[in-house]
């Protein structure tokens, strides 16, 4: 396993369309240090709920919440060389 994911990490079996890369598209990214001593990547699950004022707010957890709308995510700092 690479240095930016926690030991024993396994991606969920479901398909996620949160981040999309086009076939044949060349993207040069560099994963940057997070400042956390033990890992550079945060993983978890998230879904959005609508608040009373009509805005959407994220609900996040490190473990699945069994919500039909939740998505698995990876969060880490990157530098996009293409921008």
PDB file of N, CA and C in Angstrom:
ATOM      1  N   UNK A   1       0.850  -1.176   0.000  1.00  0.00           N
ATOM      2  CA  UNK A   1       0.000   0.000   0.000  1.00  0.00           C
ATOM      3  C   UNK A   1       0.894   1.237   0.000  1.00  0.00           C
ATOM      4  N   UNK A   2       0.385   2.325  -0.514  1.00  0.00           N
ATOM      5  CA  UNK A   2       1.166   3.544  -0.603  1.00  0.00           C
ATOM      6  C   UNK A   2       1.139   4.312   0.716  1.00  0.00           C
ATOM      7  N   UNK A   3       2.005   5.293   0.832  1.00  0.00           N
ATOM      8  CA  UNK A   3       2.193   6.015   2.090  1.00  0.00           C
ATOM      9  C   UNK A   3       1.025   6.925   2.465  1.00  0.00           C
ATOM     10  N   UNK A   4       0.194   7.329   1.515  1.00  0.00           N
ATOM     11  CA  UNK A   4      -0.852   8.295   1.859  1.00  0.00           C
ATOM     12  C   UNK A   4      -2.165   7.658   2.286  1.00  0.00           C
ATOM     13  N   UNK A   5      -2.298   6.331   2.223  1.00  0.00           N
ATOM     14  CA  UNK A   5      -3.497   5.644   2.701  1.00  0.00           C
ATOM     15  C   UNK A   5      -3.186   4.899   3.994  1.00  0.00           C
ATOM     16  N   UNK A   6      -4.139   4.756   4.903  1.00  0.00           N
ATOM     17  CA  UNK A   6      -3.901   4.032   6.150  1.00  0.00           C
ATOM     18  C   UNK A   6      -3.612   2.555   5.896  1.00  0.00           C
ATOM     19  N   UNK A   7      -2.866   1.922   6.791  1.00  0.00           N
ATOM     20  CA  UNK A   7      -2.576   0.488   6.691  1.00  0.00           C
ATOM     21  C   UNK A   7      -3.874  -0.297   6.683  1.00  0.00           C
ATOM     22  N   UNK A   8      -3.981  -1.307   5.826  1.00  0.00           N
ATOM     23  CA  UNK A   8      -5.152  -2.158   5.778  1.00  0.00           C
ATOM     24  C   UNK A   8      -6.331  -1.553   5.034  1.00  0.00           C
ATOM     25  N   UNK A   9      -6.164  -0.390   4.410  1.00  0.00           N
ATOM     26  CA  UNK A   9      -7.254   0.263   3.698  1.00  0.00           C
ATOM     27  C   UNK A   9      -7.682  -0.559   2.478  1.00  0.00           C
ATOM     28  N   UNK A  10      -8.998  -0.713   2.305  1.00  0.00           N
ATOM     29  CA  UNK A  10      -9.557  -1.343   1.114  1.00  0.00           C
ATOM     30  C   UNK A  10     -10.685  -0.465   0.593  1.00  0.00           C
ATOM     31  N   UNK A  11     -10.662  -0.183  -0.703  1.00  0.00           N
ATOM     32  CA  UNK A  11     -11.722   0.631  -1.305  1.00  0.00           C
ATOM     33  C   UNK A  11     -13.029  -0.156  -1.319  1.00  0.00           C
ATOM     34  N   UNK A  12     -14.160   0.524  -1.175  1.00  0.00           N
ATOM     35  CA  UNK A  12     -15.443  -0.179  -1.214  1.00  0.00           C
ATOM     36  C   UNK A  12     -15.684  -0.768  -2.599  1.00  0.00           C
ATOM     37  N   UNK A  13     -16.511  -1.799  -2.657  1.00  0.00           N
ATOM     38  CA  UNK A  13     -16.773  -2.509  -3.909  1.00  0.00           C
ATOM     39  C   UNK A  13     -17.727  -1.752  -4.830  1.00  0.00           C
ATOM     40  N   UNK A  14     -18.455  -0.764  -4.313  1.00  0.00           N
ATOM     41  CA  UNK A  14     -19.412  -0.024  -5.134  1.00  0.00           C
ATOM     42  C   UNK A  14     -18.689   0.942  -6.085  1.00  0.00           C
ATOM     43  N   UNK A  15     -19.371   1.330  -7.133  1.00  0.00           N
ATOM     44  CA  UNK A  15     -18.831   2.270  -8.114  1.00  0.00           C
ATOM     45  C   UNK A  15     -19.168   3.684  -7.663  1.00  0.00           C
ATOM     46  N   UNK A  16     -18.204   4.580  -7.755  1.00  0.00           N
ATOM     47  CA  UNK A  16     -18.420   5.971  -7.388  1.00  0.00           C
ATOM     48  C   UNK A  16     -18.070   6.862  -8.568  1.00  0.00           C
ATOM     49  N   UNK A  17     -18.874   7.878  -8.820  1.00  0.00           N
ATOM     50  CA  UNK A  17     -18.622   8.813  -9.903  1.00  0.00           C
ATOM     51  C   UNK A  17     -18.272  10.193  -9.355  1.00  0.00           C
ATOM     52  N   UNK A  18     -17.783  10.265  -8.133  1.00  0.00           N
ATOM     53  CA  UNK A  18     -17.466  11.540  -7.495  1.00  0.00           C
ATOM     54  C   UNK A  18     -16.381  12.280  -8.258  1.00  0.00           C
ATOM     55  N   UNK A  19     -15.297  11.593  -8.614  1.00  0.00           N
ATOM     56  CA  UNK A  19     -14.228  12.182  -9.399  1.00  0.00           C
ATOM     57  C   UNK A  19     -14.175  11.471 -10.735  1.00  0.00           C
ATOM     58  N   UNK A  20     -14.158  12.225 -11.811  1.00  0.00           N
ATOM     59  CA  UNK A  20     -14.155  11.627 -13.139  1.00  0.00           C
ATOM     60  C   UNK A  20     -12.903  12.052 -13.897  1.00  0.00           C
ATOM     61  N   UNK A  21     -12.257  11.087 -14.506  1.00  0.00           N
ATOM     62  CA  UNK A  21     -11.169  11.340 -15.426  1.00  0.00           C
ATOM     63  C   UNK A  21     -11.587  10.751 -16.764  1.00  0.00           C
ATOM     64  N   UNK A  22     -11.402  11.511 -17.825  1.00  0.00           N
ATOM     65  CA  UNK A  22     -11.759  11.038 -19.156  1.00  0.00           C
ATOM     66  C   UNK A  22     -10.686  10.074 -19.666  1.00  0.00           C
ATOM     67  N   UNK A  23     -11.120   9.040 -20.396  1.00  0.00           N
ATOM     68  CA  UNK A  23     -10.168   8.116 -21.016  1.00  0.00           C
ATOM     69  C   UNK A  23      -9.236   8.887 -21.936  1.00  0.00           C
ATOM     70  N   UNK A  24      -7.965   8.601 -21.828  1.00  0.00           N
ATOM     71  CA  UNK A  24      -6.968   9.250 -22.670  1.00  0.00           C
ATOM     72  C   UNK A  24      -6.534  10.618 -22.189  1.00  0.00           C
ATOM     73  N   UNK A  25      -7.220  11.168 -21.205  1.00  0.00           N
ATOM     74  CA  UNK A  25      -6.855  12.478 -20.665  1.00  0.00           C
ATOM     75  C   UNK A  25      -5.600  12.339 -19.816  1.00  0.00           C
ATOM     76  N   UNK A  26      -4.619  13.177 -20.079  1.00  0.00           N
ATOM     77  CA  UNK A  26      -3.390  13.153 -19.288  1.00  0.00           C
ATOM     78  C   UNK A  26      -3.489  14.210 -18.208  1.00  0.00           C
ATOM     79  N   UNK A  27      -3.420  13.773 -16.963  1.00  0.00           N
ATOM     80  CA  UNK A  27      -3.481  14.673 -15.821  1.00  0.00           C
ATOM     81  C   UNK A  27      -2.278  14.381 -14.952  1.00  0.00           C
ATOM     82  N   UNK A  28      -1.523  15.402 -14.655  1.00  0.00           N
ATOM     83  CA  UNK A  28      -0.357  15.238 -13.793  1.00  0.00           C
ATOM     84  C   UNK A  28      -0.675  15.873 -12.447  1.00  0.00           C
ATOM     85  N   UNK A  29      -0.820  15.016 -11.421  1.00  0.00           N
ATOM     86  CA  UNK A  29      -1.108  15.456 -10.065  1.00  0.00           C
ATOM     87  C   UNK A  29       0.033  15.047  -9.146  1.00  0.00           C
ATOM     88  N   UNK A  30       0.242  15.826  -8.141  1.00  0.00           N
ATOM     89  CA  UNK A  30       1.208  15.462  -7.104  1.00  0.00           C
ATOM     90  C   UNK A  30       0.486  15.514  -5.776  1.00  0.00           C
ATOM     91  N   UNK A  31       0.533  14.412  -5.038  1.00  0.00           N
ATOM     92  CA  UNK A  31      -0.073  14.369  -3.712  1.00  0.00           C
ATOM     93  C   UNK A  31       0.886  15.039  -2.743  1.00  0.00           C
ATOM     94  N   UNK A  32       0.368  16.016  -2.009  1.00  0.00           N
ATOM     95  CA  UNK A  32       1.192  16.808  -1.106  1.00  0.00           C
ATOM     96  C   UNK A  32       1.029  16.338   0.332  1.00  0.00           C
ATOM     97  N   UNK A  33       2.026  16.585   1.162  1.00  0.00           N
ATOM     98  CA  UNK A  33       1.908  16.212   2.583  1.00  0.00           C
ATOM     99  C   UNK A  33       0.754  16.948   3.243  1.00  0.00           C
ATOM    100  N   UNK A  34       0.062  16.271   4.137  1.00  0.00           N
ATOM    101  CA  UNK A  34      -1.094  16.870   4.804  1.00  0.00           C
ATOM    102  C   UNK A  34      -0.728  17.590   6.089  1.00  0.00           C
ATOM    103  N   UNK A  35       0.411  17.250   6.650  1.00  0.00           N
ATOM    104  CA  UNK A  35       0.768  17.782   7.950  1.00  0.00           C
ATOM    105  C   UNK A  35       0.415  16.824   9.074  1.00  0.00           C
ATOM    106  N   UNK A  36      -0.336  15.758   8.744  1.00  0.00           N
ATOM    107  CA  UNK A  36      -0.643  14.721   9.738  1.00  0.00           C
ATOM    108  C   UNK A  36       0.543  13.771   9.811  1.00  0.00           C
ATOM    109  N   UNK A  37       0.936  13.379  11.000  1.00  0.00           N
ATOM    110  CA  UNK A  37       2.101  12.512  11.152  1.00  0.00           C
ATOM    111  C   UNK A  37       1.862  11.100  10.636  1.00  0.00           C
ATOM    112  N   UNK A  38       0.643  10.570  10.821  1.00  0.00           N
ATOM    113  CA  UNK A  38       0.418   9.162  10.519  1.00  0.00           C
ATOM    114  C   UNK A  38      -0.118   8.888   9.117  1.00  0.00           C
ATOM    115  N   UNK A  39      -0.625   9.908   8.405  1.00  0.00           N
ATOM    116  CA  UNK A  39      -1.160   9.653   7.066  1.00  0.00           C
ATOM    117  C   UNK A  39      -1.351  10.958   6.307  1.00  0.00           C
ATOM    118  N   UNK A  40      -1.395  10.840   5.013  1.00  0.00           N
ATOM    119  CA  UNK A  40      -1.636  12.002   4.167  1.00  0.00           C
ATOM    120  C   UNK A  40      -3.011  11.978   3.532  1.00  0.00           C
ATOM    121  N   UNK A  41      -3.760  10.905   3.745  1.00  0.00           N
ATOM    122  CA  UNK A  41      -5.071  10.762   3.121  1.00  0.00           C
ATOM    123  C   UNK A  41      -6.138  10.534   4.187  1.00  0.00           C
ATOM    124  N   UNK A  42      -7.270  11.200   4.033  1.00  0.00           N
ATOM    125  CA  UNK A  42      -8.416  10.981   4.902  1.00  0.00           C
ATOM    126  C   UNK A  42      -9.461  10.249   4.069  1.00  0.00           C
ATOM    127  N   UNK A  43     -10.001   9.172   4.591  1.00  0.00           N
ATOM    128  CA  UNK A  43     -11.038   8.430   3.883  1.00  0.00           C
ATOM    129  C   UNK A  43     -12.307   8.429   4.718  1.00  0.00           C
ATOM    130  N   UNK A  44     -13.438   8.296   4.060  1.00  0.00           N
ATOM    131  CA  UNK A  44     -14.684   8.269   4.799  1.00  0.00           C
ATOM    132  C   UNK A  44     -15.883   8.181   3.891  1.00  0.00           C
ATOM    133  N   UNK A  45     -17.036   8.501   4.459  1.00  0.00           N
ATOM    134  CA  UNK A  45     -18.306   8.444   3.745  1.00  0.00           C
ATOM    135  C   UNK A  45     -19.030   9.757   3.969  1.00  0.00           C
ATOM    136  N   UNK A  46     -19.804  10.202   2.964  1.00  0.00           N
ATOM    137  CA  UNK A  46     -20.492  11.485   3.066  1.00  0.00           C
ATOM    138  C   UNK A  46     -21.792  11.457   2.271  1.00  0.00           C
ATOM    139  N   UNK A  47     -22.770  12.184   2.777  1.00  0.00           N
ATOM    140  CA  UNK A  47     -23.990  12.487   2.034  1.00  0.00           C
ATOM    141  C   UNK A  47     -24.438  13.881   2.451  1.00  0.00           C
ATOM    142  N   UNK A  48     -25.414  14.433   1.746  1.00  0.00           N
ATOM    143  CA  UNK A  48     -25.848  15.802   2.009  1.00  0.00           C
ATOM    144  C   UNK A  48     -27.289  15.831   2.481  1.00  0.00           C
ATOM    145  N   UNK A  49     -27.552  16.697   3.460  1.00  0.00           N
ATOM    146  CA  UNK A  49     -28.906  16.932   3.954  1.00  0.00           C
ATOM    147  C   UNK A  49     -29.249  18.398   3.732  1.00  0.00           C
ATOM    148  N   UNK A  50     -30.526  18.654   3.436  1.00  0.00           N
ATOM    149  CA  UNK A  50     -30.976  20.022   3.243  1.00  0.00           C
ATOM    150  C   UNK A  50     -31.338  20.627   4.602  1.00  0.00           C
ATOM    151  N   UNK A  51     -30.854  21.835   4.840  1.00  0.00           N
ATOM    152  CA  UNK A  51     -31.149  22.530   6.097  1.00  0.00           C
ATOM    153  C   UNK A  51     -32.444  23.330   5.953  1.00  0.00           C
ATOM    154  N   UNK A  52     -32.893  23.926   7.040  1.00  0.00           N
ATOM    155  CA  UNK A  52     -34.142  24.688   7.042  1.00  0.00           C
ATOM    156  C   UNK A  52     -34.110  25.867   6.075  1.00  0.00           C
ATOM    157  N   UNK A  53     -32.922  26.441   5.860  1.00  0.00           N
ATOM    158  CA  UNK A  53     -32.823  27.597   4.953  1.00  0.00           C
ATOM    159  C   UNK A  53     -32.633  27.172   3.490  1.00  0.00           C
ATOM    160  N   UNK A  54     -32.747  25.870   3.189  1.00  0.00           N
ATOM    161  CA  UNK A  54     -32.664  25.379   1.821  1.00  0.00           C
ATOM    162  C   UNK A  54     -31.266  25.053   1.340  1.00  0.00           C
ATOM    163  N   UNK A  55     -30.262  25.279   2.165  1.00  0.00           N
ATOM    164  CA  UNK A  55     -28.889  24.955   1.779  1.00  0.00           C
ATOM    165  C   UNK A  55     -28.614  23.487   2.079  1.00  0.00           C
ATOM    166  N   UNK A  56     -27.639  22.930   1.379  1.00  0.00           N
ATOM    167  CA  UNK A  56     -27.250  21.544   1.633  1.00  0.00           C
ATOM    168  C   UNK A  56     -25.993  21.524   2.480  1.00  0.00           C
ATOM    169  N   UNK A  57     -25.968  20.650   3.471  1.00  0.00           N
ATOM    170  CA  UNK A  57     -24.816  20.520   4.355  1.00  0.00           C
ATOM    171  C   UNK A  57     -24.319  19.083   4.322  1.00  0.00           C
ATOM    172  N   UNK A  58     -22.993  18.893   4.300  1.00  0.00           N
ATOM    173  CA  UNK A  58     -22.467  17.525   4.252  1.00  0.00           C
ATOM    174  C   UNK A  58     -22.512  16.849   5.619  1.00  0.00           C
ATOM    175  N   UNK A  59     -22.826  15.553   5.613  1.00  0.00           N
ATOM    176  CA  UNK A  59     -22.760  14.710   6.799  1.00  0.00           C
ATOM    177  C   UNK A  59     -21.654  13.706   6.512  1.00  0.00           C
ATOM    178  N   UNK A  60     -20.605  13.691   7.344  1.00  0.00           N
ATOM    179  CA  UNK A  60     -19.429  12.857   7.077  1.00  0.00           C
ATOM    180  C   UNK A  60     -19.135  11.932   8.257  1.00  0.00           C
ATOM    181  N   UNK A  61     -18.577  10.757   7.921  1.00  0.00           N
ATOM    182  CA  UNK A  61     -18.172   9.792   8.931  1.00  0.00           C
ATOM    183  C   UNK A  61     -17.023   8.958   8.384  1.00  0.00           C
ATOM    184  N   UNK A  62     -16.208   8.408   9.279  1.00  0.00           N
ATOM    185  CA  UNK A  62     -15.129   7.519   8.841  1.00  0.00           C
ATOM    186  C   UNK A  62     -15.642   6.112   8.562  1.00  0.00           C
ATOM    187  N   UNK A  63     -16.871   5.805   8.996  1.00  0.00           N
ATOM    188  CA  UNK A  63     -17.472   4.497   8.745  1.00  0.00           C
ATOM    189  C   UNK A  63     -18.798   4.683   8.030  1.00  0.00           C
ATOM    190  N   UNK A  64     -19.221   3.655   7.290  1.00  0.00           N
ATOM    191  CA  UNK A  64     -20.473   3.746   6.555  1.00  0.00           C
ATOM    192  C   UNK A  64     -21.637   4.020   7.495  1.00  0.00           C
ATOM    193  N   UNK A  65     -22.542   4.866   7.040  1.00  0.00           N
ATOM    194  CA  UNK A  65     -23.712   5.241   7.833  1.00  0.00           C
ATOM    195  C   UNK A  65     -24.960   4.542   7.304  1.00  0.00           C
ATOM    196  N   UNK A  66     -24.785   3.707   6.277  1.00  0.00           N
ATOM    197  CA  UNK A  66     -25.880   2.934   5.668  1.00  0.00           C
ATOM    198  C   UNK A  66     -26.964   3.842   5.094  1.00  0.00           C
ATOM    199  N   UNK A  67     -26.576   5.047   4.665  1.00  0.00           N
ATOM    200  CA  UNK A  67     -27.510   5.960   4.012  1.00  0.00           C
ATOM    201  C   UNK A  67     -27.463   5.695   2.516  1.00  0.00           C
ATOM    202  N   UNK A  68     -28.620   5.615   1.865  1.00  0.00           N
ATOM    203  CA  UNK A  68     -28.683   5.276   0.441  1.00  0.00           C
ATOM    204  C   UNK A  68     -27.934   6.284  -0.434  1.00  0.00           C
ATOM    205  N   UNK A  69     -27.797   7.520   0.037  1.00  0.00           N
ATOM    206  CA  UNK A  69     -27.144   8.565  -0.755  1.00  0.00           C
ATOM    207  C   UNK A  69     -25.665   8.757  -0.424  1.00  0.00           C
ATOM    208  N   UNK A  70     -25.119   7.992   0.512  1.00  0.00           N
ATOM    209  CA  UNK A  70     -23.732   8.230   0.898  1.00  0.00           C
ATOM    210  C   UNK A  70     -22.766   7.758  -0.178  1.00  0.00           C
ATOM    211  N   UNK A  71     -21.646   8.448  -0.260  1.00  0.00           N
ATOM    212  CA  UNK A  71     -20.571   8.139  -1.199  1.00  0.00           C
ATOM    213  C   UNK A  71     -19.275   7.991  -0.409  1.00  0.00           C
ATOM    214  N   UNK A  72     -18.429   7.094  -0.854  1.00  0.00           N
ATOM    215  CA  UNK A  72     -17.105   6.937  -0.258  1.00  0.00           C
ATOM    216  C   UNK A  72     -16.200   8.018  -0.839  1.00  0.00           C
ATOM    217  N   UNK A  73     -15.305   8.585  -0.004  1.00  0.00           N
ATOM    218  CA  UNK A  73     -14.398   9.604  -0.512  1.00  0.00           C
ATOM    219  C   UNK A  73     -12.980   9.417   0.013  1.00  0.00           C
ATOM    220  N   UNK A  74     -12.048   9.954  -0.764  1.00  0.00           N
ATOM    221  CA  UNK A  74     -10.661  10.132  -0.341  1.00  0.00           C
ATOM    222  C   UNK A  74     -10.440  11.638  -0.351  1.00  0.00           C
ATOM    223  N   UNK A  75      -9.748  12.157   0.633  1.00  0.00           N
ATOM    224  CA  UNK A  75      -9.433  13.578   0.678  1.00  0.00           C
ATOM    225  C   UNK A  75      -7.947  13.747   0.954  1.00  0.00           C
ATOM    226  N   UNK A  76      -7.275  14.425   0.066  1.00  0.00           N
ATOM    227  CA  UNK A  76      -5.873  14.739   0.270  1.00  0.00           C
ATOM    228  C   UNK A  76      -5.520  15.949  -0.572  1.00  0.00           C
ATOM    229  N   UNK A  77      -4.477  16.637  -0.177  1.00  0.00           N
ATOM    230  CA  UNK A  77      -4.012  17.811  -0.907  1.00  0.00           C
ATOM    231  C   UNK A  77      -3.291  17.362  -2.160  1.00  0.00           C
ATOM    232  N   UNK A  78      -3.582  18.033  -3.268  1.00  0.00           N
ATOM    233  CA  UNK A  78      -2.871  17.747  -4.525  1.00  0.00           C
ATOM    234  C   UNK A  78      -2.449  19.047  -5.190  1.00  0.00           C
ATOM    235  N   UNK A  79      -1.426  18.933  -5.990  1.00  0.00           N
ATOM    236  CA  UNK A  79      -1.017  20.016  -6.876  1.00  0.00           C
ATOM    237  C   UNK A  79      -1.263  19.541  -8.283  1.00  0.00           C
ATOM    238  N   UNK A  80      -2.101  20.261  -9.041  1.00  0.00           N
ATOM    239  CA  UNK A  80      -2.414  19.901 -10.417  1.00  0.00           C
ATOM    240  C   UNK A  80      -1.463  20.646 -11.332  1.00  0.00           C
ATOM    241  N   UNK A  81      -0.567  19.923 -11.969  1.00  0.00           N
ATOM    242  CA  UNK A  81       0.412  20.529 -12.857  1.00  0.00           C
ATOM    243  C   UNK A  81      -0.239  21.071 -14.142  1.00  0.00           C
ATOM    244  N   UNK A  82      -1.466  20.628 -14.455  1.00  0.00           N
ATOM    245  CA  UNK A  82      -2.140  21.053 -15.685  1.00  0.00           C
ATOM    246  C   UNK A  82      -2.787  22.432 -15.581  1.00  0.00           C
ATOM    247  N   UNK A  83      -2.941  22.953 -14.367  1.00  0.00           N
ATOM    248  CA  UNK A  83      -3.596  24.264 -14.209  1.00  0.00           C
ATOM    249  C   UNK A  83      -2.608  25.390 -14.232  1.00  0.00           C
TER     250      UNK A  83
END
